[in-house]
Amino acid sequence: MQAVKQRTEGEGKTQTHTHQPTTHTHDHWHVSHHHQGGIGDDFEHRASWHTHAHNHSEVTHSHDYPHEDEESNHAKEAHIHDHAAPTESPA
């Protein structure tokens, strides 16, 4: 698989930076939108979580929160993985 060149359009309060690919283990969250029924956009967020080794591809980005928060709050964010091969997922 060929790597995609990443960049940002503008910068947030934290400068553009790159996270190298990594594989690690921690609880990670999945969030689904559960429709309440009827007509309209009545959805409820439903969260679930589990733990297994998983990977993160290289990512280049910028954001408006401190870099320290990004590292310390990583396990609180929802993750997407191929659960058949979570350490080889392209996500």
N, C-alpha and C. Protein backbone atom coordinates (compact mmCIF):
# COMPACT_ATOMS: atom_id res chain seq x y z
N MET A 1 0.85 -1.17 0.00
CA MET A 1 0.00 0.00 0.00
C MET A 1 0.89 1.24 0.00
N GLN A 2 0.61 2.18 -0.86
CA GLN A 2 1.41 3.40 -0.96
C GLN A 2 0.90 4.45 0.03
N ALA A 3 1.83 5.10 0.70
CA ALA A 3 1.47 6.13 1.67
C ALA A 3 0.88 7.34 0.96
N VAL A 4 -0.08 7.98 1.61
CA VAL A 4 -0.71 9.18 1.08
C VAL A 4 -0.01 10.40 1.68
N LYS A 5 0.37 11.36 0.85
CA LYS A 5 0.99 12.60 1.33
C LYS A 5 -0.07 13.39 2.07
N GLN A 6 0.19 13.73 3.33
CA GLN A 6 -0.76 14.47 4.15
C GLN A 6 -0.26 15.88 4.40
N ARG A 7 -1.20 16.82 4.54
CA ARG A 7 -0.87 18.20 4.88
C ARG A 7 -2.11 18.81 5.51
N THR A 8 -1.99 20.02 6.01
CA THR A 8 -3.15 20.72 6.56
C THR A 8 -3.40 21.98 5.74
N GLU A 9 -4.63 22.41 5.71
CA GLU A 9 -5.02 23.68 5.10
C GLU A 9 -5.15 24.66 6.27
N GLY A 10 -4.14 25.44 6.51
CA GLY A 10 -4.15 26.35 7.66
C GLY A 10 -3.68 25.63 8.91
N GLU A 11 -3.48 26.41 9.96
CA GLU A 11 -3.03 25.83 11.21
C GLU A 11 -3.92 26.25 12.36
N GLY A 12 -4.09 25.32 13.30
CA GLY A 12 -4.82 25.61 14.51
C GLY A 12 -3.88 26.19 15.54
N LYS A 13 -4.31 26.18 16.79
CA LYS A 13 -3.49 26.71 17.87
C LYS A 13 -2.26 25.84 18.12
N THR A 14 -2.35 24.56 17.79
CA THR A 14 -1.19 23.66 17.85
C THR A 14 -0.69 23.48 16.43
N GLN A 15 0.60 23.71 16.22
CA GLN A 15 1.18 23.65 14.88
C GLN A 15 0.98 22.28 14.25
N THR A 16 0.99 22.28 12.92
CA THR A 16 0.93 21.04 12.17
C THR A 16 2.06 20.12 12.63
N HIS A 17 1.71 18.86 12.89
CA HIS A 17 2.70 17.89 13.33
C HIS A 17 2.29 16.50 12.84
N THR A 18 3.22 15.58 12.88
CA THR A 18 2.99 14.22 12.39
C THR A 18 3.18 13.22 13.51
N HIS A 19 2.23 12.30 13.62
CA HIS A 19 2.35 11.16 14.53
C HIS A 19 2.78 9.97 13.70
N GLN A 20 3.82 9.31 14.12
CA GLN A 20 4.31 8.13 13.42
C GLN A 20 3.35 6.96 13.66
N PRO A 21 3.35 5.98 12.76
CA PRO A 21 2.49 4.81 12.97
C PRO A 21 2.86 4.10 14.28
N THR A 22 1.86 3.55 14.93
CA THR A 22 2.10 2.86 16.20
C THR A 22 1.09 1.74 16.37
N THR A 23 1.45 0.77 17.17
CA THR A 23 0.53 -0.29 17.60
C THR A 23 0.59 -0.32 19.12
N HIS A 24 -0.58 -0.28 19.75
CA HIS A 24 -0.64 -0.30 21.20
C HIS A 24 -1.97 -0.86 21.67
N THR A 25 -2.13 -0.95 22.98
CA THR A 25 -3.33 -1.53 23.58
C THR A 25 -3.92 -0.58 24.61
N HIS A 26 -5.21 -0.34 24.53
CA HIS A 26 -5.96 0.39 25.55
C HIS A 26 -7.44 0.23 25.23
N ASP A 27 -8.30 0.52 26.21
CA ASP A 27 -9.73 0.57 25.91
C ASP A 27 -9.92 1.54 24.77
N HIS A 28 -10.77 1.20 23.82
CA HIS A 28 -11.16 2.20 22.84
C HIS A 28 -12.65 2.13 22.62
N TRP A 29 -13.19 3.27 22.25
CA TRP A 29 -14.64 3.49 22.19
C TRP A 29 -15.17 3.32 20.78
N HIS A 30 -16.40 2.86 20.73
CA HIS A 30 -17.18 2.84 19.49
C HIS A 30 -18.48 3.57 19.79
N VAL A 31 -18.88 4.44 18.89
CA VAL A 31 -20.10 5.22 19.08
C VAL A 31 -21.03 4.94 17.91
N SER A 32 -22.27 4.59 18.21
CA SER A 32 -23.26 4.38 17.15
C SER A 32 -24.40 5.37 17.35
N HIS A 33 -25.10 5.64 16.27
CA HIS A 33 -26.27 6.51 16.31
C HIS A 33 -27.50 5.62 16.26
N HIS A 34 -28.26 5.61 17.33
CA HIS A 34 -29.45 4.76 17.44
C HIS A 34 -30.69 5.62 17.17
N HIS A 35 -31.41 5.27 16.10
CA HIS A 35 -32.60 6.03 15.74
C HIS A 35 -33.73 5.72 16.71
N GLN A 36 -34.39 6.74 17.21
CA GLN A 36 -35.44 6.59 18.21
C GLN A 36 -36.75 6.11 17.62
N GLY A 37 -36.86 6.11 16.30
CA GLY A 37 -38.10 5.69 15.66
C GLY A 37 -38.89 6.90 15.21
N GLY A 38 -39.87 6.67 14.38
CA GLY A 38 -40.68 7.78 13.89
C GLY A 38 -39.98 8.55 12.79
N ILE A 39 -40.51 9.70 12.50
CA ILE A 39 -39.97 10.55 11.44
C ILE A 39 -39.08 11.61 12.07
N GLY A 40 -38.02 11.94 11.39
CA GLY A 40 -37.15 12.99 11.90
C GLY A 40 -35.78 12.48 12.25
N ASP A 41 -35.04 13.32 12.92
CA ASP A 41 -33.66 13.00 13.22
C ASP A 41 -33.44 12.77 14.72
N ASP A 42 -34.32 12.01 15.31
CA ASP A 42 -34.20 11.70 16.73
C ASP A 42 -33.23 10.54 16.93
N PHE A 43 -31.96 10.86 17.17
CA PHE A 43 -30.93 9.86 17.38
C PHE A 43 -30.35 9.99 18.77
N GLU A 44 -29.95 8.86 19.30
CA GLU A 44 -29.26 8.81 20.59
C GLU A 44 -27.88 8.22 20.34
N HIS A 45 -26.87 8.76 21.01
CA HIS A 45 -25.53 8.18 20.92
C HIS A 45 -25.46 6.99 21.86
N ARG A 46 -24.98 5.89 21.35
CA ARG A 46 -24.74 4.71 22.17
C ARG A 46 -23.27 4.37 22.10
N ALA A 47 -22.64 4.27 23.26
CA ALA A 47 -21.21 4.01 23.31
C ALA A 47 -20.94 2.61 23.84
N SER A 48 -19.93 1.99 23.28
CA SER A 48 -19.43 0.72 23.80
C SER A 48 -17.90 0.79 23.74
N TRP A 49 -17.22 -0.11 24.43
CA TRP A 49 -15.77 -0.08 24.43
C TRP A 49 -15.23 -1.47 24.67
N HIS A 50 -14.02 -1.67 24.25
CA HIS A 50 -13.29 -2.90 24.49
C HIS A 50 -11.80 -2.64 24.34
N THR A 51 -11.00 -3.64 24.69
CA THR A 51 -9.56 -3.50 24.66
C THR A 51 -8.95 -4.58 23.79
N HIS A 52 -8.06 -4.19 22.91
CA HIS A 52 -7.22 -5.13 22.16
C HIS A 52 -6.10 -4.33 21.51
N ALA A 53 -5.05 -5.01 21.12
CA ALA A 53 -3.98 -4.34 20.40
C ALA A 53 -4.55 -3.82 19.08
N HIS A 54 -4.18 -2.61 18.72
CA HIS A 54 -4.64 -2.01 17.46
C HIS A 54 -3.59 -1.03 16.98
N ASN A 55 -3.67 -0.71 15.71
CA ASN A 55 -2.68 0.20 15.16
C ASN A 55 -3.29 1.55 14.83
N HIS A 56 -2.43 2.52 14.61
CA HIS A 56 -2.80 3.83 14.09
C HIS A 56 -1.81 4.13 12.98
N SER A 57 -2.31 4.46 11.81
CA SER A 57 -1.45 4.84 10.70
C SER A 57 -0.84 6.21 10.99
N GLU A 58 0.18 6.56 10.21
CA GLU A 58 0.78 7.89 10.33
C GLU A 58 -0.29 8.93 10.04
N VAL A 59 -0.29 10.02 10.81
CA VAL A 59 -1.24 11.10 10.57
C VAL A 59 -0.54 12.44 10.79
N THR A 60 -0.79 13.36 9.86
CA THR A 60 -0.31 14.74 9.97
C THR A 60 -1.53 15.61 10.14
N HIS A 61 -1.53 16.44 11.20
CA HIS A 61 -2.71 17.27 11.46
C HIS A 61 -2.35 18.46 12.34
N SER A 62 -3.33 19.33 12.53
CA SER A 62 -3.26 20.47 13.43
C SER A 62 -4.55 20.48 14.22
N HIS A 63 -4.58 21.17 15.34
CA HIS A 63 -5.81 21.23 16.14
C HIS A 63 -5.77 22.43 17.06
N ASP A 64 -6.90 22.70 17.71
CA ASP A 64 -7.04 23.87 18.58
C ASP A 64 -6.95 23.54 20.06
N TYR A 65 -6.53 22.35 20.42
CA TYR A 65 -6.34 21.99 21.83
C TYR A 65 -4.87 21.66 22.03
N PRO A 66 -4.38 21.72 23.26
CA PRO A 66 -2.96 21.52 23.52
C PRO A 66 -2.46 20.13 23.13
N HIS A 67 -1.23 20.07 22.67
CA HIS A 67 -0.61 18.80 22.29
C HIS A 67 -0.62 17.81 23.45
N GLU A 68 -0.42 18.30 24.66
CA GLU A 68 -0.43 17.44 25.84
C GLU A 68 -1.78 16.74 26.01
N ASP A 69 -2.89 17.46 25.71
CA ASP A 69 -4.22 16.86 25.81
C ASP A 69 -4.39 15.75 24.79
N GLU A 70 -3.82 15.94 23.62
CA GLU A 70 -3.92 14.93 22.57
C GLU A 70 -3.32 13.61 23.05
N GLU A 71 -2.17 13.67 23.67
CA GLU A 71 -1.51 12.46 24.16
C GLU A 71 -2.25 11.86 25.36
N SER A 72 -2.60 12.68 26.34
CA SER A 72 -3.19 12.16 27.57
C SER A 72 -4.64 11.71 27.38
N ASN A 73 -5.34 12.23 26.39
CA ASN A 73 -6.75 11.89 26.19
C ASN A 73 -6.98 10.92 25.03
N HIS A 74 -5.91 10.39 24.48
CA HIS A 74 -6.05 9.51 23.32
C HIS A 74 -7.03 8.36 23.55
N ALA A 75 -6.95 7.72 24.69
CA ALA A 75 -7.81 6.56 24.97
C ALA A 75 -9.27 6.94 25.18
N LYS A 76 -9.56 8.24 25.29
CA LYS A 76 -10.95 8.68 25.48
C LYS A 76 -11.65 8.93 24.15
N GLU A 77 -10.93 8.84 23.05
CA GLU A 77 -11.51 9.13 21.74
C GLU A 77 -11.99 7.84 21.08
N ALA A 78 -13.05 7.98 20.29
CA ALA A 78 -13.54 6.84 19.53
C ALA A 78 -12.52 6.45 18.47
N HIS A 79 -12.33 5.16 18.26
CA HIS A 79 -11.38 4.64 17.28
C HIS A 79 -12.10 3.80 16.25
N ILE A 80 -11.57 3.76 15.08
CA ILE A 80 -12.09 2.90 14.01
C ILE A 80 -11.01 1.88 13.68
N HIS A 81 -11.38 0.61 13.66
CA HIS A 81 -10.42 -0.44 13.33
C HIS A 81 -11.12 -1.55 12.58
N ASP A 82 -10.34 -2.26 11.79
CA ASP A 82 -10.80 -3.51 11.19
C ASP A 82 -10.67 -4.57 12.27
N HIS A 83 -11.76 -5.01 12.83
CA HIS A 83 -11.68 -5.93 13.96
C HIS A 83 -11.27 -7.34 13.56
N ALA A 84 -11.23 -7.64 12.27
CA ALA A 84 -10.70 -8.93 11.85
C ALA A 84 -9.17 -8.91 11.89
N ALA A 85 -8.58 -7.73 11.77
CA ALA A 85 -7.12 -7.58 11.80
C ALA A 85 -6.78 -6.21 12.38
N PRO A 86 -7.05 -5.99 13.67
CA PRO A 86 -6.91 -4.64 14.24
C PRO A 86 -5.50 -4.08 14.26
N THR A 87 -4.48 -4.94 14.21
CA THR A 87 -3.12 -4.41 14.18
C THR A 87 -2.63 -4.15 12.76
N GLU A 88 -3.48 -4.44 11.77
CA GLU A 88 -3.15 -4.21 10.36
C GLU A 88 -4.16 -3.30 9.69
N SER A 89 -5.02 -2.68 10.48
CA SER A 89 -6.09 -1.84 9.95
C SER A 89 -5.51 -0.62 9.24
N PRO A 90 -6.11 -0.20 8.11
CA PRO A 90 -5.63 1.01 7.43
C PRO A 90 -6.11 2.29 8.10
N ALA A 91 -6.96 2.21 9.12
CA ALA A 91 -7.51 3.40 9.77
C ALA A 91 -6.49 4.12 10.61
